[in-house]
Amino acid sequence: VTFRYMESVAYQIRKPGQPSGPAAKGETTLARGKGPKPSGTL
């Protein structure tokens, strides 16, 4: 069994008056693998 943990932080400075990007919702998602062996990503 292989466990891979990744995290990232992305940031951008916006000067006053510049439009903002869309906000991330903060929901946890689960994607199950479809291969011959069990796998998934949270």
PDB file of all heavy atoms in Angstrom:
ATOM      1  N   VAL A   1       0.861  -1.181   0.000  1.00  0.00           N
ATOM      2  CA  VAL A   1       0.000   0.000   0.000  1.00  0.00           C
ATOM      3  C   VAL A   1       0.900   1.236   0.000  1.00  0.00           C
ATOM      4  O   VAL A   1       1.823   1.332   0.809  1.00  0.00           O
ATOM      5  CB  VAL A   1      -0.926   0.019   1.233  1.00  0.00           C
ATOM      6  CG1 VAL A   1      -1.851   1.229   1.206  1.00  0.00           C
ATOM      7  CG2 VAL A   1      -1.725  -1.269   1.331  1.00  0.00           C
ATOM      8  N   THR A   2       0.624   2.152  -0.915  1.00  0.00           N
ATOM      9  CA  THR A   2       1.392   3.394  -0.994  1.00  0.00           C
ATOM     10  C   THR A   2       0.489   4.561  -0.624  1.00  0.00           C
ATOM     11  O   THR A   2      -0.611   4.701  -1.164  1.00  0.00           O
ATOM     12  CB  THR A   2       1.969   3.596  -2.407  1.00  0.00           C
ATOM     13  OG1 THR A   2       2.789   2.467  -2.728  1.00  0.00           O
ATOM     14  CG2 THR A   2       2.805   4.861  -2.495  1.00  0.00           C
ATOM     15  N   PHE A   3       0.967   5.375   0.303  1.00  0.00           N
ATOM     16  CA  PHE A   3       0.269   6.582   0.731  1.00  0.00           C
ATOM     17  C   PHE A   3       1.079   7.774   0.232  1.00  0.00           C
ATOM     18  O   PHE A   3       2.275   7.871   0.512  1.00  0.00           O
ATOM     19  CB  PHE A   3       0.181   6.664   2.261  1.00  0.00           C
ATOM     20  CG  PHE A   3      -0.559   5.523   2.891  1.00  0.00           C
ATOM     21  CD1 PHE A   3       0.097   4.332   3.205  1.00  0.00           C
ATOM     22  CD2 PHE A   3      -1.909   5.637   3.182  1.00  0.00           C
ATOM     23  CE1 PHE A   3      -0.583   3.281   3.795  1.00  0.00           C
ATOM     24  CE2 PHE A   3      -2.594   4.585   3.779  1.00  0.00           C
ATOM     25  CZ  PHE A   3      -1.930   3.399   4.080  1.00  0.00           C
ATOM     26  N   ARG A   4       0.448   8.658  -0.512  1.00  0.00           N
ATOM     27  CA  ARG A   4       1.105   9.877  -0.986  1.00  0.00           C
ATOM     28  C   ARG A   4       0.313  11.067  -0.446  1.00  0.00           C
ATOM     29  O   ARG A   4      -0.874  11.180  -0.710  1.00  0.00           O
ATOM     30  CB  ARG A   4       1.121   9.928  -2.503  1.00  0.00           C
ATOM     31  CG  ARG A   4       2.052   8.943  -3.119  1.00  0.00           C
ATOM     32  CD  ARG A   4       2.034   9.042  -4.657  1.00  0.00           C
ATOM     33  NE  ARG A   4       2.810   7.968  -5.234  1.00  0.00           N
ATOM     34  CZ  ARG A   4       2.327   6.774  -5.542  1.00  0.00           C
ATOM     35  NH1 ARG A   4       1.058   6.488  -5.346  1.00  0.00           N
ATOM     36  NH2 ARG A   4       3.106   5.847  -6.050  1.00  0.00           N
ATOM     37  N   TYR A   5       0.998  11.919   0.293  1.00  0.00           N
ATOM     38  CA  TYR A   5       0.372  13.100   0.880  1.00  0.00           C
ATOM     39  C   TYR A   5       0.969  14.324   0.212  1.00  0.00           C
ATOM     40  O   TYR A   5       2.196  14.438   0.090  1.00  0.00           O
ATOM     41  CB  TYR A   5       0.644  13.136   2.389  1.00  0.00           C
ATOM     42  CG  TYR A   5       0.107  14.385   3.057  1.00  0.00           C
ATOM     43  CD1 TYR A   5      -1.226  14.482   3.409  1.00  0.00           C
ATOM     44  CD2 TYR A   5       0.941  15.464   3.316  1.00  0.00           C
ATOM     45  CE1 TYR A   5      -1.724  15.616   4.019  1.00  0.00           C
ATOM     46  CE2 TYR A   5       0.454  16.612   3.921  1.00  0.00           C
ATOM     47  CZ  TYR A   5      -0.869  16.679   4.264  1.00  0.00           C
ATOM     48  OH  TYR A   5      -1.363  17.817   4.859  1.00  0.00           O
ATOM     49  N   MET A   6       0.127  15.213  -0.251  1.00  0.00           N
ATOM     50  CA  MET A   6       0.606  16.434  -0.886  1.00  0.00           C
ATOM     51  C   MET A   6      -0.195  17.616  -0.370  1.00  0.00           C
ATOM     52  O   MET A   6      -1.385  17.491  -0.102  1.00  0.00           O
ATOM     53  CB  MET A   6       0.456  16.345  -2.399  1.00  0.00           C
ATOM     54  CG  MET A   6       1.364  15.309  -3.021  1.00  0.00           C
ATOM     55  SD  MET A   6       1.507  15.442  -4.796  1.00  0.00           S
ATOM     56  CE  MET A   6      -0.028  14.736  -5.318  1.00  0.00           C
ATOM     57  N   GLU A   7       0.491  18.733  -0.232  1.00  0.00           N
ATOM     58  CA  GLU A   7      -0.205  19.964   0.093  1.00  0.00           C
ATOM     59  C   GLU A   7       0.454  21.101  -0.662  1.00  0.00           C
ATOM     60  O   GLU A   7       1.641  21.038  -0.996  1.00  0.00           O
ATOM     61  CB  GLU A   7      -0.247  20.235   1.592  1.00  0.00           C
ATOM     62  CG  GLU A   7       1.059  20.461   2.259  1.00  0.00           C
ATOM     63  CD  GLU A   7       0.904  20.675   3.767  1.00  0.00           C
ATOM     64  OE1 GLU A   7      -0.217  20.590   4.295  1.00  0.00           O
ATOM     65  OE2 GLU A   7       1.915  20.950   4.405  1.00  0.00           O
ATOM     66  N   SER A   8      -0.345  22.092  -0.956  1.00  0.00           N
ATOM     67  CA  SER A   8       0.186  23.262  -1.648  1.00  0.00           C
ATOM     68  C   SER A   8      -0.515  24.509  -1.148  1.00  0.00           C
ATOM     69  O   SER A   8      -1.649  24.463  -0.685  1.00  0.00           O
ATOM     70  CB  SER A   8       0.015  23.132  -3.165  1.00  0.00           C
ATOM     71  OG  SER A   8      -1.345  23.245  -3.521  1.00  0.00           O
ATOM     72  N   VAL A   9       0.220  25.598  -1.243  1.00  0.00           N
ATOM     73  CA  VAL A   9      -0.311  26.904  -0.913  1.00  0.00           C
ATOM     74  C   VAL A   9      -0.055  27.782  -2.128  1.00  0.00           C
ATOM     75  O   VAL A   9       1.074  27.897  -2.590  1.00  0.00           O
ATOM     76  CB  VAL A   9       0.389  27.514   0.321  1.00  0.00           C
ATOM     77  CG1 VAL A   9      -0.134  28.916   0.597  1.00  0.00           C
ATOM     78  CG2 VAL A   9       0.215  26.620   1.526  1.00  0.00           C
ATOM     79  N   ALA A  10      -1.117  28.343  -2.663  1.00  0.00           N
ATOM     80  CA  ALA A  10      -0.983  29.276  -3.787  1.00  0.00           C
ATOM     81  C   ALA A  10      -1.476  30.629  -3.307  1.00  0.00           C
ATOM     82  O   ALA A  10      -2.468  30.714  -2.579  1.00  0.00           O
ATOM     83  CB  ALA A  10      -1.810  28.801  -4.977  1.00  0.00           C
ATOM     84  N   TYR A  11      -0.780  31.666  -3.685  1.00  0.00           N
ATOM     85  CA  TYR A  11      -1.206  32.994  -3.271  1.00  0.00           C
ATOM     86  C   TYR A  11      -0.843  34.005  -4.323  1.00  0.00           C
ATOM     87  O   TYR A  11       0.042  33.803  -5.152  1.00  0.00           O
ATOM     88  CB  TYR A  11      -0.609  33.382  -1.914  1.00  0.00           C
ATOM     89  CG  TYR A  11       0.868  33.125  -1.822  1.00  0.00           C
ATOM     90  CD1 TYR A  11       1.779  34.092  -2.181  1.00  0.00           C
ATOM     91  CD2 TYR A  11       1.336  31.895  -1.380  1.00  0.00           C
ATOM     92  CE1 TYR A  11       3.133  33.837  -2.106  1.00  0.00           C
ATOM     93  CE2 TYR A  11       2.687  31.643  -1.299  1.00  0.00           C
ATOM     94  CZ  TYR A  11       3.583  32.617  -1.659  1.00  0.00           C
ATOM     95  OH  TYR A  11       4.918  32.362  -1.593  1.00  0.00           O
ATOM     96  N   GLN A  12      -1.599  35.101  -4.308  1.00  0.00           N
ATOM     97  CA  GLN A  12      -1.388  36.176  -5.254  1.00  0.00           C
ATOM     98  C   GLN A  12      -1.737  37.497  -4.577  1.00  0.00           C
ATOM     99  O   GLN A  12      -2.749  37.601  -3.886  1.00  0.00           O
ATOM    100  CB  GLN A  12      -2.267  35.978  -6.490  1.00  0.00           C
ATOM    101  CG  GLN A  12      -2.041  37.042  -7.545  1.00  0.00           C
ATOM    102  CD  GLN A  12      -2.754  36.708  -8.849  1.00  0.00           C
ATOM    103  OE1 GLN A  12      -3.552  35.794  -8.922  1.00  0.00           O
ATOM    104  NE2 GLN A  12      -2.445  37.451  -9.880  1.00  0.00           N
ATOM    105  N   ILE A  13      -0.874  38.489  -4.777  1.00  0.00           N
ATOM    106  CA  ILE A  13      -1.134  39.829  -4.262  1.00  0.00           C
ATOM    107  C   ILE A  13      -2.045  40.527  -5.258  1.00  0.00           C
ATOM    108  O   ILE A  13      -1.804  40.501  -6.455  1.00  0.00           O
ATOM    109  CB  ILE A  13       0.172  40.636  -4.111  1.00  0.00           C
ATOM    110  CG1 ILE A  13       1.174  39.911  -3.218  1.00  0.00           C
ATOM    111  CG2 ILE A  13      -0.112  42.045  -3.621  1.00  0.00           C
ATOM    112  CD1 ILE A  13       0.770  39.773  -1.800  1.00  0.00           C
ATOM    113  N   ARG A  14      -3.091  41.137  -4.751  1.00  0.00           N
ATOM    114  CA  ARG A  14      -3.998  41.920  -5.602  1.00  0.00           C
ATOM    115  C   ARG A  14      -3.999  43.353  -5.087  1.00  0.00           C
ATOM    116  O   ARG A  14      -4.271  43.602  -3.919  1.00  0.00           O
ATOM    117  CB  ARG A  14      -5.406  41.356  -5.561  1.00  0.00           C
ATOM    118  CG  ARG A  14      -5.454  39.950  -6.116  1.00  0.00           C
ATOM    119  CD  ARG A  14      -6.705  39.766  -6.910  1.00  0.00           C
ATOM    120  NE  ARG A  14      -6.801  38.417  -7.392  1.00  0.00           N
ATOM    121  CZ  ARG A  14      -6.574  38.070  -8.648  1.00  0.00           C
ATOM    122  NH1 ARG A  14      -6.232  38.962  -9.523  1.00  0.00           N
ATOM    123  NH2 ARG A  14      -6.685  36.819  -9.019  1.00  0.00           N
ATOM    124  N   LYS A  15      -3.706  44.275  -5.964  1.00  0.00           N
ATOM    125  CA  LYS A  15      -3.718  45.682  -5.596  1.00  0.00           C
ATOM    126  C   LYS A  15      -5.171  46.140  -5.459  1.00  0.00           C
ATOM    127  O   LYS A  15      -6.071  45.554  -6.059  1.00  0.00           O
ATOM    128  CB  LYS A  15      -2.982  46.519  -6.657  1.00  0.00           C
ATOM    129  CG  LYS A  15      -1.500  46.175  -6.773  1.00  0.00           C
ATOM    130  CD  LYS A  15      -0.761  46.493  -5.494  1.00  0.00           C
ATOM    131  CE  LYS A  15       0.722  46.155  -5.622  1.00  0.00           C
ATOM    132  NZ  LYS A  15       1.435  46.376  -4.372  1.00  0.00           N
ATOM    133  N   PRO A  16      -5.428  47.185  -4.674  1.00  0.00           N
ATOM    134  CA  PRO A  16      -6.798  47.663  -4.513  1.00  0.00           C
ATOM    135  C   PRO A  16      -7.454  47.911  -5.870  1.00  0.00           C
ATOM    136  O   PRO A  16      -6.846  48.472  -6.779  1.00  0.00           O
ATOM    137  CB  PRO A  16      -6.629  48.974  -3.733  1.00  0.00           C
ATOM    138  CG  PRO A  16      -5.351  48.781  -2.975  1.00  0.00           C
ATOM    139  CD  PRO A  16      -4.474  47.963  -3.906  1.00  0.00           C
ATOM    140  N   GLY A  17      -8.680  47.429  -6.015  1.00  0.00           N
ATOM    141  CA  GLY A  17      -9.424  47.609  -7.259  1.00  0.00           C
ATOM    142  C   GLY A  17      -9.324  46.448  -8.218  1.00  0.00           C
ATOM    143  O   GLY A  17     -10.123  46.317  -9.139  1.00  0.00           O
ATOM    144  N   GLN A  18      -8.321  45.565  -8.052  1.00  0.00           N
ATOM    145  CA  GLN A  18      -8.212  44.392  -8.919  1.00  0.00           C
ATOM    146  C   GLN A  18      -9.263  43.368  -8.509  1.00  0.00           C
ATOM    147  O   GLN A  18      -9.496  43.154  -7.317  1.00  0.00           O
ATOM    148  CB  GLN A  18      -6.829  43.748  -8.819  1.00  0.00           C
ATOM    149  CG  GLN A  18      -5.741  44.479  -9.555  1.00  0.00           C
ATOM    150  CD  GLN A  18      -4.441  43.694  -9.474  1.00  0.00           C
ATOM    151  OE1 GLN A  18      -4.024  43.280  -8.401  1.00  0.00           O
ATOM    152  NE2 GLN A  18      -3.810  43.496 -10.611  1.00  0.00           N
ATOM    153  N   PRO A  19      -9.893  42.699  -9.490  1.00  0.00           N
ATOM    154  CA  PRO A  19     -10.906  41.694  -9.147  1.00  0.00           C
ATOM    155  C   PRO A  19     -10.277  40.464  -8.493  1.00  0.00           C
ATOM    156  O   PRO A  19      -9.137  40.114  -8.765  1.00  0.00           O
ATOM    157  CB  PRO A  19     -11.535  41.339 -10.493  1.00  0.00           C
ATOM    158  CG  PRO A  19     -10.494  41.704 -11.506  1.00  0.00           C
ATOM    159  CD  PRO A  19      -9.722  42.855 -10.927  1.00  0.00           C
ATOM    160  N   SER A  20     -11.040  39.805  -7.622  1.00  0.00           N
ATOM    161  CA  SER A  20     -10.604  38.588  -6.950  1.00  0.00           C
ATOM    162  C   SER A  20     -10.985  37.372  -7.763  1.00  0.00           C
ATOM    163  O   SER A  20     -11.900  37.422  -8.578  1.00  0.00           O
ATOM    164  CB  SER A  20     -11.264  38.459  -5.574  1.00  0.00           C
ATOM    165  OG  SER A  20     -10.961  39.555  -4.782  1.00  0.00           O
ATOM    166  N   GLY A  21     -10.313  36.263  -7.494  1.00  0.00           N
ATOM    167  CA  GLY A  21     -10.662  34.990  -8.110  1.00  0.00           C
ATOM    168  C   GLY A  21     -11.771  34.324  -7.312  1.00  0.00           C
ATOM    169  O   GLY A  21     -12.144  34.791  -6.245  1.00  0.00           O
ATOM    170  N   PRO A  22     -12.306  33.199  -7.811  1.00  0.00           N
ATOM    171  CA  PRO A  22     -13.362  32.496  -7.078  1.00  0.00           C
ATOM    172  C   PRO A  22     -12.802  31.836  -5.813  1.00  0.00           C
ATOM    173  O   PRO A  22     -11.682  31.369  -5.802  1.00  0.00           O
ATOM    174  CB  PRO A  22     -13.849  31.447  -8.076  1.00  0.00           C
ATOM    175  CG  PRO A  22     -12.694  31.240  -9.001  1.00  0.00           C
ATOM    176  CD  PRO A  22     -11.960  32.550  -9.057  1.00  0.00           C
ATOM    177  N   ALA A  23     -13.601  31.811  -4.765  1.00  0.00           N
ATOM    178  CA  ALA A  23     -13.184  31.204  -3.496  1.00  0.00           C
ATOM    179  C   ALA A  23     -13.401  29.698  -3.532  1.00  0.00           C
ATOM    180  O   ALA A  23     -14.395  29.219  -4.064  1.00  0.00           O
ATOM    181  CB  ALA A  23     -13.969  31.804  -2.342  1.00  0.00           C
ATOM    182  N   ALA A  24     -12.444  28.947  -2.982  1.00  0.00           N
ATOM    183  CA  ALA A  24     -12.595  27.501  -2.868  1.00  0.00           C
ATOM    184  C   ALA A  24     -13.596  27.201  -1.754  1.00  0.00           C
ATOM    185  O   ALA A  24     -13.652  27.890  -0.752  1.00  0.00           O
ATOM    186  CB  ALA A  24     -11.250  26.853  -2.573  1.00  0.00           C
ATOM    187  N   LYS A  25     -14.380  26.147  -1.914  1.00  0.00           N
ATOM    188  CA  LYS A  25     -15.480  25.842  -1.007  1.00  0.00           C
ATOM    189  C   LYS A  25     -15.050  25.176   0.305  1.00  0.00           C
ATOM    190  O   LYS A  25     -15.741  25.260   1.292  1.00  0.00           O
ATOM    191  CB  LYS A  25     -16.484  24.940  -1.709  1.00  0.00           C
ATOM    192  CG  LYS A  25     -17.024  25.548  -2.981  1.00  0.00           C
ATOM    193  CD  LYS A  25     -18.469  25.829  -2.842  1.00  0.00           C
ATOM    194  CE  LYS A  25     -19.070  26.229  -4.167  1.00  0.00           C
ATOM    195  NZ  LYS A  25     -19.319  27.592  -4.323  1.00  0.00           N
ATOM    196  N   GLY A  26     -13.945  24.452   0.330  1.00  0.00           N
ATOM    197  CA  GLY A  26     -13.508  23.786   1.547  1.00  0.00           C
ATOM    198  C   GLY A  26     -14.140  22.428   1.770  1.00  0.00           C
ATOM    199  O   GLY A  26     -14.081  21.893   2.859  1.00  0.00           O
ATOM    200  N   GLU A  27     -14.774  21.860   0.754  1.00  0.00           N
ATOM    201  CA  GLU A  27     -15.393  20.547   0.882  1.00  0.00           C
ATOM    202  C   GLU A  27     -14.380  19.450   0.578  1.00  0.00           C
ATOM    203  O   GLU A  27     -13.556  19.581  -0.310  1.00  0.00           O
ATOM    204  CB  GLU A  27     -16.573  20.431  -0.081  1.00  0.00           C
ATOM    205  CG  GLU A  27     -17.673  21.435   0.209  1.00  0.00           C
ATOM    206  CD  GLU A  27     -18.749  21.467  -0.865  1.00  0.00           C
ATOM    207  OE1 GLU A  27     -18.675  20.682  -1.824  1.00  0.00           O
ATOM    208  OE2 GLU A  27     -19.660  22.291  -0.731  1.00  0.00           O
ATOM    209  N   THR A  28     -14.478  18.348   1.327  1.00  0.00           N
ATOM    210  CA  THR A  28     -13.617  17.199   1.074  1.00  0.00           C
ATOM    211  C   THR A  28     -14.247  16.358  -0.030  1.00  0.00           C
ATOM    212  O   THR A  28     -15.443  16.111  -0.016  1.00  0.00           O
ATOM    213  CB  THR A  28     -13.457  16.352   2.344  1.00  0.00           C
ATOM    214  OG1 THR A  28     -12.882  17.178   3.365  1.00  0.00           O
ATOM    215  CG2 THR A  28     -12.553  15.154   2.100  1.00  0.00           C
ATOM    216  N   THR A  29     -13.412  15.944  -0.985  1.00  0.00           N
ATOM    217  CA  THR A  29     -13.911  15.099  -2.064  1.00  0.00           C
ATOM    218  C   THR A  29     -13.172  13.769  -2.050  1.00  0.00           C
ATOM    219  O   THR A  29     -12.009  13.693  -1.653  1.00  0.00           O
ATOM    220  CB  THR A  29     -13.731  15.757  -3.451  1.00  0.00           C
ATOM    221  OG1 THR A  29     -12.338  16.025  -3.666  1.00  0.00           O
ATOM    222  CG2 THR A  29     -14.503  17.061  -3.544  1.00  0.00           C
ATOM    223  N   LEU A  30     -13.860  12.736  -2.485  1.00  0.00           N
ATOM    224  CA  LEU A  30     -13.293  11.397  -2.581  1.00  0.00           C
ATOM    225  C   LEU A  30     -13.438  10.934  -4.020  1.00  0.00           C
ATOM    226  O   LEU A  30     -14.536  10.932  -4.568  1.00  0.00           O
ATOM    227  CB  LEU A  30     -14.017  10.427  -1.648  1.00  0.00           C
ATOM    228  CG  LEU A  30     -13.694   8.938  -1.813  1.00  0.00           C
ATOM    229  CD1 LEU A  30     -12.230   8.657  -1.509  1.00  0.00           C
ATOM    230  CD2 LEU A  30     -14.601   8.095  -0.934  1.00  0.00           C
ATOM    231  N   ALA A  31     -12.325  10.564  -4.617  1.00  0.00           N
ATOM    232  CA  ALA A  31     -12.343   9.998  -5.971  1.00  0.00           C
ATOM    233  C   ALA A  31     -11.805   8.581  -5.874  1.00  0.00           C
ATOM    234  O   ALA A  31     -10.651   8.363  -5.497  1.00  0.00           O
ATOM    235  CB  ALA A  31     -11.485  10.833  -6.914  1.00  0.00           C
ATOM    236  N   ARG A  32     -12.635   7.608  -6.185  1.00  0.00           N
ATOM    237  CA  ARG A  32     -12.216   6.203  -6.123  1.00  0.00           C
ATOM    238  C   ARG A  32     -11.525   5.818  -7.421  1.00  0.00           C
ATOM    239  O   ARG A  32     -11.980   6.170  -8.501  1.00  0.00           O
ATOM    240  CB  ARG A  32     -13.426   5.299  -5.898  1.00  0.00           C
ATOM    241  CG  ARG A  32     -14.005   5.435  -4.506  1.00  0.00           C
ATOM    242  CD  ARG A  32     -15.163   4.471  -4.284  1.00  0.00           C
ATOM    243  NE  ARG A  32     -15.569   4.474  -2.899  1.00  0.00           N
ATOM    244  CZ  ARG A  32     -16.398   5.356  -2.373  1.00  0.00           C
ATOM    245  NH1 ARG A  32     -16.921   6.288  -3.113  1.00  0.00           N
ATOM    246  NH2 ARG A  32     -16.708   5.294  -1.095  1.00  0.00           N
ATOM    247  N   GLY A  33     -10.432   5.048  -7.286  1.00  0.00           N
ATOM    248  CA  GLY A  33      -9.729   4.555  -8.464  1.00  0.00           C
ATOM    249  C   GLY A  33     -10.542   3.476  -9.161  1.00  0.00           C
ATOM    250  O   GLY A  33     -11.350   2.782  -8.546  1.00  0.00           O
ATOM    251  N   LYS A  34     -10.341   3.343 -10.451  1.00  0.00           N
ATOM    252  CA  LYS A  34     -11.100   2.361 -11.232  1.00  0.00           C
ATOM    253  C   LYS A  34     -10.214   1.223 -11.740  1.00  0.00           C
ATOM    254  O   LYS A  34     -10.647   0.411 -12.526  1.00  0.00           O
ATOM    255  CB  LYS A  34     -11.776   3.068 -12.402  1.00  0.00           C
ATOM    256  CG  LYS A  34     -12.716   4.177 -11.952  1.00  0.00           C
ATOM    257  CD  LYS A  34     -13.662   4.574 -13.019  1.00  0.00           C
ATOM    258  CE  LYS A  34     -14.505   5.762 -12.707  1.00  0.00           C
ATOM    259  NZ  LYS A  34     -15.108   5.863 -11.431  1.00  0.00           N
ATOM    260  N   GLY A  35      -8.968   1.172 -11.279  1.00  0.00           N
ATOM    261  CA  GLY A  35      -8.032   0.151 -11.732  1.00  0.00           C
ATOM    262  C   GLY A  35      -8.312  -1.219 -11.143  1.00  0.00           C
ATOM    263  O   GLY A  35      -9.270  -1.412 -10.387  1.00  0.00           O
ATOM    264  N   PRO A  36      -7.441  -2.169 -11.442  1.00  0.00           N
ATOM    265  CA  PRO A  36      -7.647  -3.540 -10.968  1.00  0.00           C
ATOM    266  C   PRO A  36      -7.472  -3.701  -9.461  1.00  0.00           C
ATOM    267  O   PRO A  36      -7.965  -4.657  -8.878  1.00  0.00           O
ATOM    268  CB  PRO A  36      -6.591  -4.342 -11.729  1.00  0.00           C
ATOM    269  CG  PRO A  36      -5.556  -3.348 -12.119  1.00  0.00           C
ATOM    270  CD  PRO A  36      -6.272  -2.044 -12.299  1.00  0.00           C
ATOM    271  N   LYS A  37      -6.765  -2.790  -8.816  1.00  0.00           N
ATOM    272  CA  LYS A  37      -6.554  -2.841  -7.368  1.00  0.00           C
ATOM    273  C   LYS A  37      -7.221  -1.623  -6.729  1.00  0.00           C
ATOM    274  O   LYS A  37      -7.354  -0.573  -7.356  1.00  0.00           O
ATOM    275  CB  LYS A  37      -5.059  -2.833  -7.033  1.00  0.00           C
ATOM    276  CG  LYS A  37      -4.304  -4.062  -7.483  1.00  0.00           C
ATOM    277  CD  LYS A  37      -4.484  -5.172  -6.482  1.00  0.00           C
ATOM    278  CE  LYS A  37      -3.537  -6.310  -6.796  1.00  0.00           C
ATOM    279  NZ  LYS A  37      -3.402  -7.220  -5.691  1.00  0.00           N
ATOM    280  N   PRO A  38      -7.608  -1.720  -5.448  1.00  0.00           N
ATOM    281  CA  PRO A  38      -8.244  -0.581  -4.769  1.00  0.00           C
ATOM    282  C   PRO A  38      -7.316   0.643  -4.709  1.00  0.00           C
ATOM    283  O   PRO A  38      -6.101   0.515  -4.529  1.00  0.00           O
ATOM    284  CB  PRO A  38      -8.510  -1.110  -3.361  1.00  0.00           C
ATOM    285  CG  PRO A  38      -8.543  -2.596  -3.503  1.00  0.00           C
ATOM    286  CD  PRO A  38      -7.574  -2.914  -4.605  1.00  0.00           C
ATOM    287  N   SER A  39      -7.904   1.804  -4.879  1.00  0.00           N
ATOM    288  CA  SER A  39      -7.167   3.063  -4.754  1.00  0.00           C
ATOM    289  C   SER A  39      -8.176   4.196  -4.613  1.00  0.00           C
ATOM    290  O   SER A  39      -9.363   4.020  -4.875  1.00  0.00           O
ATOM    291  CB  SER A  39      -6.272   3.309  -5.976  1.00  0.00           C
ATOM    292  OG  SER A  39      -7.056   3.469  -7.144  1.00  0.00           O
ATOM    293  N   GLY A  40      -7.680   5.340  -4.205  1.00  0.00           N
ATOM    294  CA  GLY A  40      -8.555   6.497  -4.075  1.00  0.00           C
ATOM    295  C   GLY A  40      -7.778   7.723  -3.660  1.00  0.00           C
ATOM    296  O   GLY A  40      -6.630   7.632  -3.225  1.00  0.00           O
ATOM    297  N   THR A  41      -8.423   8.872  -3.815  1.00  0.00           N
ATOM    298  CA  THR A  41      -7.817  10.140  -3.444  1.00  0.00           C
ATOM    299  C   THR A  41      -8.830  10.960  -2.656  1.00  0.00           C
ATOM    300  O   THR A  41      -9.955  11.161  -3.107  1.00  0.00           O
ATOM    301  CB  THR A  41      -7.386  10.936  -4.699  1.00  0.00           C
ATOM    302  OG1 THR A  41      -6.458  10.163  -5.447  1.00  0.00           O
ATOM    303  CG2 THR A  41      -6.758  12.263  -4.318  1.00  0.00           C
ATOM    304  N   LEU A  42      -8.409  11.417  -1.491  1.00  0.00           N
ATOM    305  CA  LEU A  42      -9.173  12.366  -0.690  1.00  0.00           C
ATOM    306  C   LEU A  42      -8.513  13.722  -0.868  1.00  0.00           C
ATOM    307  O   LEU A  42      -7.283  13.830  -0.768  1.00  0.00           O
ATOM    308  CB  LEU A  42      -9.121  12.005   0.794  1.00  0.00           C
ATOM    309  CG  LEU A  42     -10.014  10.890   1.274  1.00  0.00           C
ATOM    310  CD1 LEU A  42      -9.637  10.500   2.698  1.00  0.00           C
ATOM    311  CD2 LEU A  42     -11.467  11.300   1.214  1.00  0.00           C
TER     312      LEU A  42
END
